[in-house]
PDB file of N, CA and C in Angstrom:
ATOM      1  N   UNK A   1      29.071  10.855  23.845  1.00  0.00           N
ATOM      2  CA  UNK A   1      27.556  11.072  23.733  1.00  0.00           C
ATOM      3  C   UNK A   1      27.637  12.110  22.564  1.00  0.00           C
ATOM      4  N   UNK A   2      26.654  11.688  21.574  1.00  0.00           N
ATOM      5  CA  UNK A   2      26.552  12.744  20.439  1.00  0.00           C
ATOM      6  C   UNK A   2      25.192  13.427  20.783  1.00  0.00           C
ATOM      7  N   UNK A   3      25.288  14.815  20.390  1.00  0.00           N
ATOM      8  CA  UNK A   3      24.124  15.523  20.700  1.00  0.00           C
ATOM      9  C   UNK A   3      24.162  16.540  19.527  1.00  0.00           C
ATOM     10  N   UNK A   4      22.742  17.332  19.371  1.00  0.00           N
ATOM     11  CA  UNK A   4      22.689  18.327  18.426  1.00  0.00           C
ATOM     12  C   UNK A   4      22.925  17.952  17.009  1.00  0.00           C
ATOM     13  N   UNK A   5      23.670  18.988  16.291  1.00  0.00           N
ATOM     14  CA  UNK A   5      23.760  18.906  14.942  1.00  0.00           C
ATOM     15  C   UNK A   5      24.635  17.728  14.467  1.00  0.00           C
ATOM     16  N   UNK A   6      25.541  17.121  15.436  1.00  0.00           N
ATOM     17  CA  UNK A   6      26.345  15.931  14.909  1.00  0.00           C
ATOM     18  C   UNK A   6      25.542  14.852  14.906  1.00  0.00           C
ATOM     19  N   UNK A   7      24.444  14.784  15.761  1.00  0.00           N
ATOM     20  CA  UNK A   7      23.586  13.501  15.665  1.00  0.00           C
ATOM     21  C   UNK A   7      22.697  13.562  14.108  1.00  0.00           C
ATOM     22  N   UNK A   8      22.227  14.660  14.033  1.00  0.00           N
ATOM     23  CA  UNK A   8      21.501  14.955  12.970  1.00  0.00           C
ATOM     24  C   UNK A   8      22.276  14.607  11.714  1.00  0.00           C
ATOM     25  N   UNK A   9      23.551  15.167  11.654  1.00  0.00           N
ATOM     26  CA  UNK A   9      24.327  14.817  10.561  1.00  0.00           C
ATOM     27  C   UNK A   9      24.659  13.328  10.301  1.00  0.00           C
ATOM     28  N   UNK A  10      25.040  12.627  11.322  1.00  0.00           N
ATOM     29  CA  UNK A  10      25.334  11.199  11.324  1.00  0.00           C
ATOM     30  C   UNK A  10      23.982  10.505  10.777  1.00  0.00           C
ATOM     31  N   UNK A  11      22.870  10.942  11.352  1.00  0.00           N
ATOM     32  CA  UNK A  11      21.478  10.110  10.955  1.00  0.00           C
ATOM     33  C   UNK A  11      21.279  10.293   9.481  1.00  0.00           C
ATOM     34  N   UNK A  12      21.602  11.543   8.959  1.00  0.00           N
ATOM     35  CA  UNK A  12      21.384  11.897   7.686  1.00  0.00           C
ATOM     36  C   UNK A  12      22.219  11.082   6.788  1.00  0.00           C
ATOM     37  N   UNK A  13      23.412  11.114   7.162  1.00  0.00           N
ATOM     38  CA  UNK A  13      24.539  10.354   6.218  1.00  0.00           C
ATOM     39  C   UNK A  13      24.156   8.783   6.324  1.00  0.00           C
ATOM     40  N   UNK A  14      23.703   8.308   7.377  1.00  0.00           N
ATOM     41  CA  UNK A  14      23.202   6.901   7.210  1.00  0.00           C
ATOM     42  C   UNK A  14      22.081   6.503   6.508  1.00  0.00           C
ATOM     43  N   UNK A  15      21.078   7.541   6.631  1.00  0.00           N
ATOM     44  CA  UNK A  15      19.937   7.412   5.866  1.00  0.00           C
ATOM     45  C   UNK A  15      20.275   7.521   4.392  1.00  0.00           C
ATOM     46  N   UNK A  16      21.186   8.159   3.862  1.00  0.00           N
ATOM     47  CA  UNK A  16      21.646   8.521   2.411  1.00  0.00           C
ATOM     48  C   UNK A  16      22.231   7.309   2.085  1.00  0.00           C
ATOM     49  N   UNK A  17      23.096   6.661   2.913  1.00  0.00           N
ATOM     50  CA  UNK A  17      23.805   5.342   2.580  1.00  0.00           C
ATOM     51  C   UNK A  17      22.783   4.221   2.524  1.00  0.00           C
ATOM     52  N   UNK A  18      21.849   4.205   3.359  1.00  0.00           N
ATOM     53  CA  UNK A  18      20.857   3.123   3.121  1.00  0.00           C
ATOM     54  C   UNK A  18      20.122   3.205   1.982  1.00  0.00           C
ATOM     55  N   UNK A  19      19.645   4.542   1.522  1.00  0.00           N
ATOM     56  CA  UNK A  19      18.828   4.616   0.309  1.00  0.00           C
ATOM     57  C   UNK A  19      19.690   4.361  -0.808  1.00  0.00           C
ATOM     58  N   UNK A  20      20.958   4.587  -0.851  1.00  0.00           N
ATOM     59  CA  UNK A  20      21.990   4.260  -2.082  1.00  0.00           C
ATOM     60  C   UNK A  20      21.996   2.771  -2.132  1.00  0.00           C
ATOM     61  N   UNK A  21      22.208   1.919  -1.002  1.00  0.00           N
ATOM     62  CA  UNK A  21      22.272   0.558  -1.068  1.00  0.00           C
ATOM     63  C   UNK A  21      20.880  -0.032  -1.562  1.00  0.00           C
ATOM     64  N   UNK A  22      19.804   0.540  -0.979  1.00  0.00           N
ATOM     65  CA  UNK A  22      18.470  -0.016  -1.541  1.00  0.00           C
ATOM     66  C   UNK A  22      18.403   0.266  -2.874  1.00  0.00           C
ATOM     67  N   UNK A  23      18.851   1.271  -3.513  1.00  0.00           N
ATOM     68  CA  UNK A  23      18.617   1.712  -4.862  1.00  0.00           C
ATOM     69  C   UNK A  23      19.524   0.641  -5.748  1.00  0.00           C
ATOM     70  N   UNK A  24      20.749   0.243  -5.369  1.00  0.00           N
ATOM     71  CA  UNK A  24      21.516  -0.592  -6.003  1.00  0.00           C
ATOM     72  C   UNK A  24      20.822  -2.015  -6.029  1.00  0.00           C
ATOM     73  N   UNK A  25      20.253  -2.471  -4.829  1.00  0.00           N
ATOM     74  CA  UNK A  25      19.606  -3.724  -4.761  1.00  0.00           C
ATOM     75  C   UNK A  25      18.375  -3.613  -5.515  1.00  0.00           C
ATOM     76  N   UNK A  26      17.547  -2.564  -5.554  1.00  0.00           N
ATOM     77  CA  UNK A  26      16.308  -2.649  -6.409  1.00  0.00           C
ATOM     78  C   UNK A  26      16.718  -2.643  -7.919  1.00  0.00           C
ATOM     79  N   UNK A  27      17.731  -1.812  -8.436  1.00  0.00           N
ATOM     80  CA  UNK A  27      18.104  -1.987  -9.936  1.00  0.00           C
ATOM     81  C   UNK A  27      18.806  -3.422 -10.133  1.00  0.00           C
ATOM     82  N   UNK A  28      19.279  -4.064  -9.345  1.00  0.00           N
ATOM     83  CA  UNK A  28      19.794  -5.548  -9.619  1.00  0.00           C
ATOM     84  C   UNK A  28      18.522  -6.331  -9.609  1.00  0.00           C
ATOM     85  N   UNK A  29      17.546  -6.258  -8.927  1.00  0.00           N
ATOM     86  CA  UNK A  29      16.349  -7.083  -8.811  1.00  0.00           C
ATOM     87  C   UNK A  29      15.500  -6.960 -10.153  1.00  0.00           C
ATOM     88  N   UNK A  30      15.530  -5.525 -10.436  1.00  0.00           N
ATOM     89  CA  UNK A  30      14.832  -5.221 -11.757  1.00  0.00           C
ATOM     90  C   UNK A  30      15.460  -5.764 -12.970  1.00  0.00           C
ATOM     91  N   UNK A  31      16.764  -5.836 -12.965  1.00  0.00           N
ATOM     92  CA  UNK A  31      17.325  -6.270 -14.285  1.00  0.00           C
ATOM     93  C   UNK A  31      17.314  -7.840 -14.162  1.00  0.00           C
ATOM     94  N   UNK A  32      17.131  -8.611 -13.277  1.00  0.00           N
ATOM     95  CA  UNK A  32      16.784  -9.988 -13.184  1.00  0.00           C
ATOM     96  C   UNK A  32      15.396 -10.247 -13.649  1.00  0.00           C
ATOM     97  N   UNK A  33      14.502  -9.470 -13.215  1.00  0.00           N
ATOM     98  CA  UNK A  33      13.072  -9.502 -13.696  1.00  0.00           C
ATOM     99  C   UNK A  33      12.929  -9.201 -15.105  1.00  0.00           C
ATOM    100  N   UNK A  34      13.573  -7.964 -15.549  1.00  0.00           N
ATOM    101  CA  UNK A  34      13.455  -7.645 -16.880  1.00  0.00           C
ATOM    102  C   UNK A  34      13.893  -8.701 -17.924  1.00  0.00           C
ATOM    103  N   UNK A  35      14.891  -9.428 -17.361  1.00  0.00           N
ATOM    104  CA  UNK A  35      15.571 -10.506 -18.530  1.00  0.00           C
ATOM    105  C   UNK A  35      14.384 -11.552 -18.906  1.00  0.00           C
ATOM    106  N   UNK A  36      13.596 -11.907 -17.912  1.00  0.00           N
ATOM    107  CA  UNK A  36      12.570 -12.734 -18.188  1.00  0.00           C
ATOM    108  C   UNK A  36      11.318 -12.388 -18.796  1.00  0.00           C
ATOM    109  N   UNK A  37      10.940 -10.936 -18.800  1.00  0.00           N
ATOM    110  CA  UNK A  37       9.909 -10.343 -19.060  1.00  0.00           C
ATOM    111  C   UNK A  37       9.856 -10.045 -20.710  1.00  0.00           C
ATOM    112  N   UNK A  38       8.993 -10.496 -21.228  1.00  0.00           N
ATOM    113  CA  UNK A  38       8.661 -10.201 -22.612  1.00  0.00           C
ATOM    114  C   UNK A  38       7.200  -9.382 -23.049  1.00  0.00           C
ATOM    115  N   UNK A  39       7.365  -8.444 -23.997  1.00  0.00           N
ATOM    116  CA  UNK A  39       6.069  -7.817 -24.288  1.00  0.00           C
ATOM    117  C   UNK A  39       5.089  -9.042 -24.872  1.00  0.00           C
ATOM    118  N   UNK A  40       3.712  -8.884 -24.471  1.00  0.00           N
ATOM    119  CA  UNK A  40       2.691  -9.642 -25.124  1.00  0.00           C
ATOM    120  C   UNK A  40       1.855  -8.903 -25.895  1.00  0.00           C
ATOM    121  N   UNK A  41       1.505  -9.159 -27.232  1.00  0.00           N
ATOM    122  CA  UNK A  41       0.765  -8.506 -28.030  1.00  0.00           C
ATOM    123  C   UNK A  41       0.042  -9.705 -28.876  1.00  0.00           C
ATOM    124  N   UNK A  42      -1.405  -9.445 -29.011  1.00  0.00           N
ATOM    125  CA  UNK A  42      -2.130 -10.592 -29.679  1.00  0.00           C
ATOM    126  C   UNK A  42      -2.829  -9.691 -30.978  1.00  0.00           C
ATOM    127  N   UNK A  43      -3.147 -10.609 -31.738  1.00  0.00           N
ATOM    128  CA  UNK A  43      -4.194 -10.099 -33.052  1.00  0.00           C
ATOM    129  C   UNK A  43      -5.530 -10.702 -32.949  1.00  0.00           C
ATOM    130  N   UNK A  44      -6.260 -10.231 -33.570  1.00  0.00           N
ATOM    131  CA  UNK A  44      -7.714 -10.670 -33.852  1.00  0.00           C
ATOM    132  C   UNK A  44      -7.503 -12.337 -34.498  1.00  0.00           C
ATOM    133  N   UNK A  45      -8.192 -12.933 -33.999  1.00  0.00           N
ATOM    134  CA  UNK A  45      -8.405 -14.537 -34.320  1.00  0.00           C
ATOM    135  C   UNK A  45      -7.447 -15.430 -33.441  1.00  0.00           C
ATOM    136  N   UNK A  46      -6.487 -14.915 -32.776  1.00  0.00           N
ATOM    137  CA  UNK A  46      -5.757 -15.810 -31.759  1.00  0.00           C
ATOM    138  C   UNK A  46      -6.721 -16.190 -30.560  1.00  0.00           C
ATOM    139  N   UNK A  47      -6.127 -17.124 -30.107  1.00  0.00           N
ATOM    140  CA  UNK A  47      -6.859 -17.737 -28.793  1.00  0.00           C
ATOM    141  C   UNK A  47      -6.102 -17.516 -27.541  1.00  0.00           C
ATOM    142  N   UNK A  48      -6.798 -17.160 -26.566  1.00  0.00           N
ATOM    143  CA  UNK A  48      -6.184 -16.758 -25.375  1.00  0.00           C
ATOM    144  C   UNK A  48      -6.936 -17.366 -24.131  1.00  0.00           C
ATOM    145  N   UNK A  49      -6.396 -17.571 -22.924  1.00  0.00           N
ATOM    146  CA  UNK A  49      -6.905 -17.866 -21.798  1.00  0.00           C
ATOM    147  C   UNK A  49      -7.313 -16.807 -21.023  1.00  0.00           C
ATOM    148  N   UNK A  50      -8.170 -16.480 -20.157  1.00  0.00           N
ATOM    149  CA  UNK A  50      -8.827 -15.600 -19.489  1.00  0.00           C
ATOM    150  C   UNK A  50      -8.510 -15.834 -17.983  1.00  0.00           C
ATOM    151  N   UNK A  51      -7.721 -14.920 -17.367  1.00  0.00           N
ATOM    152  CA  UNK A  51      -7.504 -14.899 -15.880  1.00  0.00           C
ATOM    153  C   UNK A  51      -8.583 -14.755 -15.071  1.00  0.00           C
ATOM    154  N   UNK A  52      -8.867 -15.727 -14.105  1.00  0.00           N
ATOM    155  CA  UNK A  52     -10.019 -15.484 -13.271  1.00  0.00           C
ATOM    156  C   UNK A  52      -9.570 -15.304 -11.859  1.00  0.00           C
ATOM    157  N   UNK A  53     -10.187 -14.207 -11.163  1.00  0.00           N
ATOM    158  CA  UNK A  53      -9.964 -13.990  -9.846  1.00  0.00           C
ATOM    159  C   UNK A  53     -11.240 -14.001  -9.131  1.00  0.00           C
ATOM    160  N   UNK A  54     -11.298 -14.106  -7.911  1.00  0.00           N
ATOM    161  CA  UNK A  54     -12.615 -14.053  -7.199  1.00  0.00           C
ATOM    162  C   UNK A  54     -13.293 -12.660  -7.401  1.00  0.00           C
ATOM    163  N   UNK A  55     -12.639 -11.549  -7.615  1.00  0.00           N
ATOM    164  CA  UNK A  55     -13.176 -10.447  -7.757  1.00  0.00           C
ATOM    165  C   UNK A  55     -13.868  -9.976  -9.112  1.00  0.00           C
ATOM    166  N   UNK A  56     -13.421 -10.848 -10.068  1.00  0.00           N
ATOM    167  CA  UNK A  56     -14.007 -10.632 -11.482  1.00  0.00           C
ATOM    168  C   UNK A  56     -15.349 -11.065 -11.560  1.00  0.00           C
ATOM    169  N   UNK A  57     -15.740 -12.239 -10.981  1.00  0.00           N
ATOM    170  CA  UNK A  57     -16.989 -12.820 -11.011  1.00  0.00           C
ATOM    171  C   UNK A  57     -17.294 -13.751 -12.114  1.00  0.00           C
ATOM    172  N   UNK A  58     -16.168 -13.927 -12.884  1.00  0.00           N
ATOM    173  CA  UNK A  58     -16.231 -14.791 -14.064  1.00  0.00           C
ATOM    174  C   UNK A  58     -16.009 -16.287 -13.612  1.00  0.00           C
ATOM    175  N   UNK A  59     -16.622 -17.257 -14.291  1.00  0.00           N
ATOM    176  CA  UNK A  59     -16.185 -18.614 -14.000  1.00  0.00           C
ATOM    177  C   UNK A  59     -17.097 -19.203 -12.900  1.00  0.00           C
ATOM    178  N   UNK A  60     -16.475 -20.345 -12.590  1.00  0.00           N
ATOM    179  CA  UNK A  60     -17.383 -21.226 -11.606  1.00  0.00           C
ATOM    180  C   UNK A  60     -17.206 -20.497 -10.031  1.00  0.00           C
ATOM    181  N   UNK A  61     -18.422 -20.371  -9.357  1.00  0.00           N
ATOM    182  CA  UNK A  61     -18.254 -19.739  -7.944  1.00  0.00           C
ATOM    183  C   UNK A  61     -18.317 -20.940  -6.939  1.00  0.00           C
ATOM    184  N   UNK A  62     -17.244 -21.213  -6.676  1.00  0.00           N
ATOM    185  CA  UNK A  62     -17.103 -22.430  -5.626  1.00  0.00           C
ATOM    186  C   UNK A  62     -16.569 -21.670  -4.364  1.00  0.00           C
ATOM    187  N   UNK A  63     -17.024 -22.340  -3.140  1.00  0.00           N
ATOM    188  CA  UNK A  63     -16.567 -21.890  -1.964  1.00  0.00           C
ATOM    189  C   UNK A  63     -15.168 -22.345  -1.587  1.00  0.00           C
ATOM    190  N   UNK A  64     -14.687 -23.415  -1.961  1.00  0.00           N
ATOM    191  CA  UNK A  64     -13.424 -23.806  -1.767  1.00  0.00           C
ATOM    192  C   UNK A  64     -12.400 -22.991  -2.900  1.00  0.00           C
ATOM    193  N   UNK A  65     -11.543 -22.079  -2.231  1.00  0.00           N
ATOM    194  CA  UNK A  65     -10.929 -21.266  -3.272  1.00  0.00           C
ATOM    195  C   UNK A  65      -9.781 -22.027  -3.928  1.00  0.00           C
ATOM    196  N   UNK A  66      -9.383 -23.062  -3.198  1.00  0.00           N
ATOM    197  CA  UNK A  66      -8.414 -23.966  -3.855  1.00  0.00           C
ATOM    198  C   UNK A  66      -8.772 -24.603  -5.118  1.00  0.00           C
ATOM    199  N   UNK A  67     -10.005 -24.763  -5.225  1.00  0.00           N
ATOM    200  CA  UNK A  67     -10.623 -25.666  -6.303  1.00  0.00           C
ATOM    201  C   UNK A  67     -10.991 -24.869  -7.306  1.00  0.00           C
ATOM    202  N   UNK A  68     -10.954 -23.624  -7.233  1.00  0.00           N
ATOM    203  CA  UNK A  68     -11.280 -22.667  -8.202  1.00  0.00           C
ATOM    204  C   UNK A  68     -10.323 -22.588  -9.420  1.00  0.00           C
ATOM    205  N   UNK A  69     -10.618 -22.482 -10.805  1.00  0.00           N
ATOM    206  CA  UNK A  69      -9.807 -22.378 -11.680  1.00  0.00           C
ATOM    207  C   UNK A  69      -8.927 -21.134 -11.833  1.00  0.00           C
ATOM    208  N   UNK A  70      -7.776 -20.993 -12.180  1.00  0.00           N
ATOM    209  CA  UNK A  70      -7.121 -19.870 -12.411  1.00  0.00           C
ATOM    210  C   UNK A  70      -7.127 -19.223 -13.587  1.00  0.00           C
ATOM    211  N   UNK A  71      -7.203 -20.039 -14.717  1.00  0.00           N
ATOM    212  CA  UNK A  71      -7.663 -19.529 -16.040  1.00  0.00           C
ATOM    213  C   UNK A  71      -8.682 -20.121 -16.696  1.00  0.00           C
ATOM    214  N   UNK A  72      -9.465 -19.612 -17.480  1.00  0.00           N
ATOM    215  CA  UNK A  72     -10.645 -20.211 -18.190  1.00  0.00           C
ATOM    216  C   UNK A  72     -10.487 -19.999 -19.588  1.00  0.00           C
ATOM    217  N   UNK A  73     -10.857 -20.768 -20.533  1.00  0.00           N
ATOM    218  CA  UNK A  73     -10.673 -20.602 -22.056  1.00  0.00           C
ATOM    219  C   UNK A  73     -10.300 -21.943 -22.607  1.00  0.00           C
ATOM    220  N   UNK A  74      -9.814 -21.896 -23.777  1.00  0.00           N
ATOM    221  CA  UNK A  74      -9.379 -20.661 -24.718  1.00  0.00           C
ATOM    222  C   UNK A  74     -10.465 -20.064 -25.392  1.00  0.00           C
ATOM    223  N   UNK A  75     -10.278 -18.717 -25.514  1.00  0.00           N
ATOM    224  CA  UNK A  75     -11.429 -17.723 -26.144  1.00  0.00           C
ATOM    225  C   UNK A  75     -10.651 -17.205 -27.298  1.00  0.00           C
ATOM    226  N   UNK A  76     -11.326 -16.847 -28.249  1.00  0.00           N
ATOM    227  CA  UNK A  76     -10.963 -16.226 -29.486  1.00  0.00           C
ATOM    228  C   UNK A  76     -10.952 -14.807 -29.342  1.00  0.00           C
ATOM    229  N   UNK A  77      -9.983 -13.937 -29.727  1.00  0.00           N
ATOM    230  CA  UNK A  77      -9.920 -12.753 -29.678  1.00  0.00           C
ATOM    231  C   UNK A  77     -10.813 -12.107 -31.034  1.00  0.00           C
ATOM    232  N   UNK A  78     -11.829 -11.373 -30.890  1.00  0.00           N
ATOM    233  CA  UNK A  78     -12.479 -10.787 -32.095  1.00  0.00           C
ATOM    234  C   UNK A  78     -11.930  -9.425 -32.528  1.00  0.00           C
ATOM    235  N   UNK A  79     -11.534  -8.555 -31.588  1.00  0.00           N
ATOM    236  CA  UNK A  79     -11.143  -7.345 -32.118  1.00  0.00           C
ATOM    237  C   UNK A  79      -9.999  -6.910 -30.998  1.00  0.00           C
ATOM    238  N   UNK A  80      -9.070  -6.202 -31.460  1.00  0.00           N
ATOM    239  CA  UNK A  80      -8.078  -5.512 -30.734  1.00  0.00           C
ATOM    240  C   UNK A  80      -8.368  -4.031 -30.417  1.00  0.00           C
ATOM    241  N   UNK A  81      -8.518  -3.624 -29.245  1.00  0.00           N
ATOM    242  CA  UNK A  81      -9.169  -2.250 -28.915  1.00  0.00           C
ATOM    243  C   UNK A  81      -7.934  -1.375 -28.730  1.00  0.00           C
ATOM    244  N   UNK A  82      -7.105  -1.664 -27.988  1.00  0.00           N
ATOM    245  CA  UNK A  82      -5.807  -0.787 -27.617  1.00  0.00           C
ATOM    246  C   UNK A  82      -4.609  -1.693 -27.471  1.00  0.00           C
ATOM    247  N   UNK A  83      -3.524  -1.124 -26.855  1.00  0.00           N
ATOM    248  CA  UNK A  83      -2.406  -1.828 -26.965  1.00  0.00           C
ATOM    249  C   UNK A  83      -2.385  -2.988 -26.124  1.00  0.00           C
ATOM    250  N   UNK A  84      -3.232  -2.926 -25.059  1.00  0.00           N
ATOM    251  CA  UNK A  84      -3.377  -4.024 -24.126  1.00  0.00           C
ATOM    252  C   UNK A  84      -4.820  -4.457 -23.811  1.00  0.00           C
ATOM    253  N   UNK A  85      -5.717  -3.959 -24.694  1.00  0.00           N
ATOM    254  CA  UNK A  85      -7.226  -4.139 -24.489  1.00  0.00           C
ATOM    255  C   UNK A  85      -7.791  -4.929 -25.844  1.00  0.00           C
ATOM    256  N   UNK A  86      -8.519  -6.082 -25.485  1.00  0.00           N
ATOM    257  CA  UNK A  86      -8.923  -6.924 -26.430  1.00  0.00           C
ATOM    258  C   UNK A  86     -10.373  -7.129 -26.248  1.00  0.00           C
ATOM    259  N   UNK A  87     -11.100  -7.371 -27.355  1.00  0.00           N
ATOM    260  CA  UNK A  87     -12.449  -7.858 -27.243  1.00  0.00           C
ATOM    261  C   UNK A  87     -12.536  -9.363 -27.584  1.00  0.00           C
ATOM    262  N   UNK A  88     -12.993 -10.175 -26.507  1.00  0.00           N
ATOM    263  CA  UNK A  88     -12.965 -11.657 -26.858  1.00  0.00           C
ATOM    264  C   UNK A  88     -14.318 -12.229 -26.809  1.00  0.00           C
ATOM    265  N   UNK A  89     -14.497 -13.282 -27.574  1.00  0.00           N
ATOM    266  CA  UNK A  89     -15.821 -13.976 -27.862  1.00  0.00           C
ATOM    267  C   UNK A  89     -16.073 -14.852 -26.599  1.00  0.00           C
ATOM    268  N   UNK A  90     -16.961 -14.441 -25.579  1.00  0.00           N
ATOM    269  CA  UNK A  90     -17.247 -15.316 -24.591  1.00  0.00           C
ATOM    270  C   UNK A  90     -18.426 -16.171 -24.808  1.00  0.00           C
ATOM    271  N   UNK A  91     -18.606 -17.335 -24.098  1.00  0.00           N
ATOM    272  CA  UNK A  91     -19.794 -18.037 -24.546  1.00  0.00           C
ATOM    273  C   UNK A  91     -21.074 -17.449 -23.860  1.00  0.00           C
ATOM    274  N   UNK A  92     -22.148 -17.811 -24.514  1.00  0.00           N
ATOM    275  CA  UNK A  92     -23.458 -17.195 -23.854  1.00  0.00           C
ATOM    276  C   UNK A  92     -23.673 -17.511 -22.384  1.00  0.00           C
TER     277      UNK A  92
END
């Protein structure tokens, strides 16, 4: 039976070992994801689709969530505001 400082030391060692293994696994998964990721930047005049979620309130309001569109558009970009912010020409 392990008691006192020995138990604390063993538990601390196991926690550090688990954290190290989790870090290795996380780094591996990140490298897999980063291989497929590419930066998206658009310019004025290009056409884009707008992602629609139930919280944005844009698009058709249907009760059946399965039937709601995921993207709407295409809409033309009128102005680039920031690195990832754009002004688009929405219909009236």
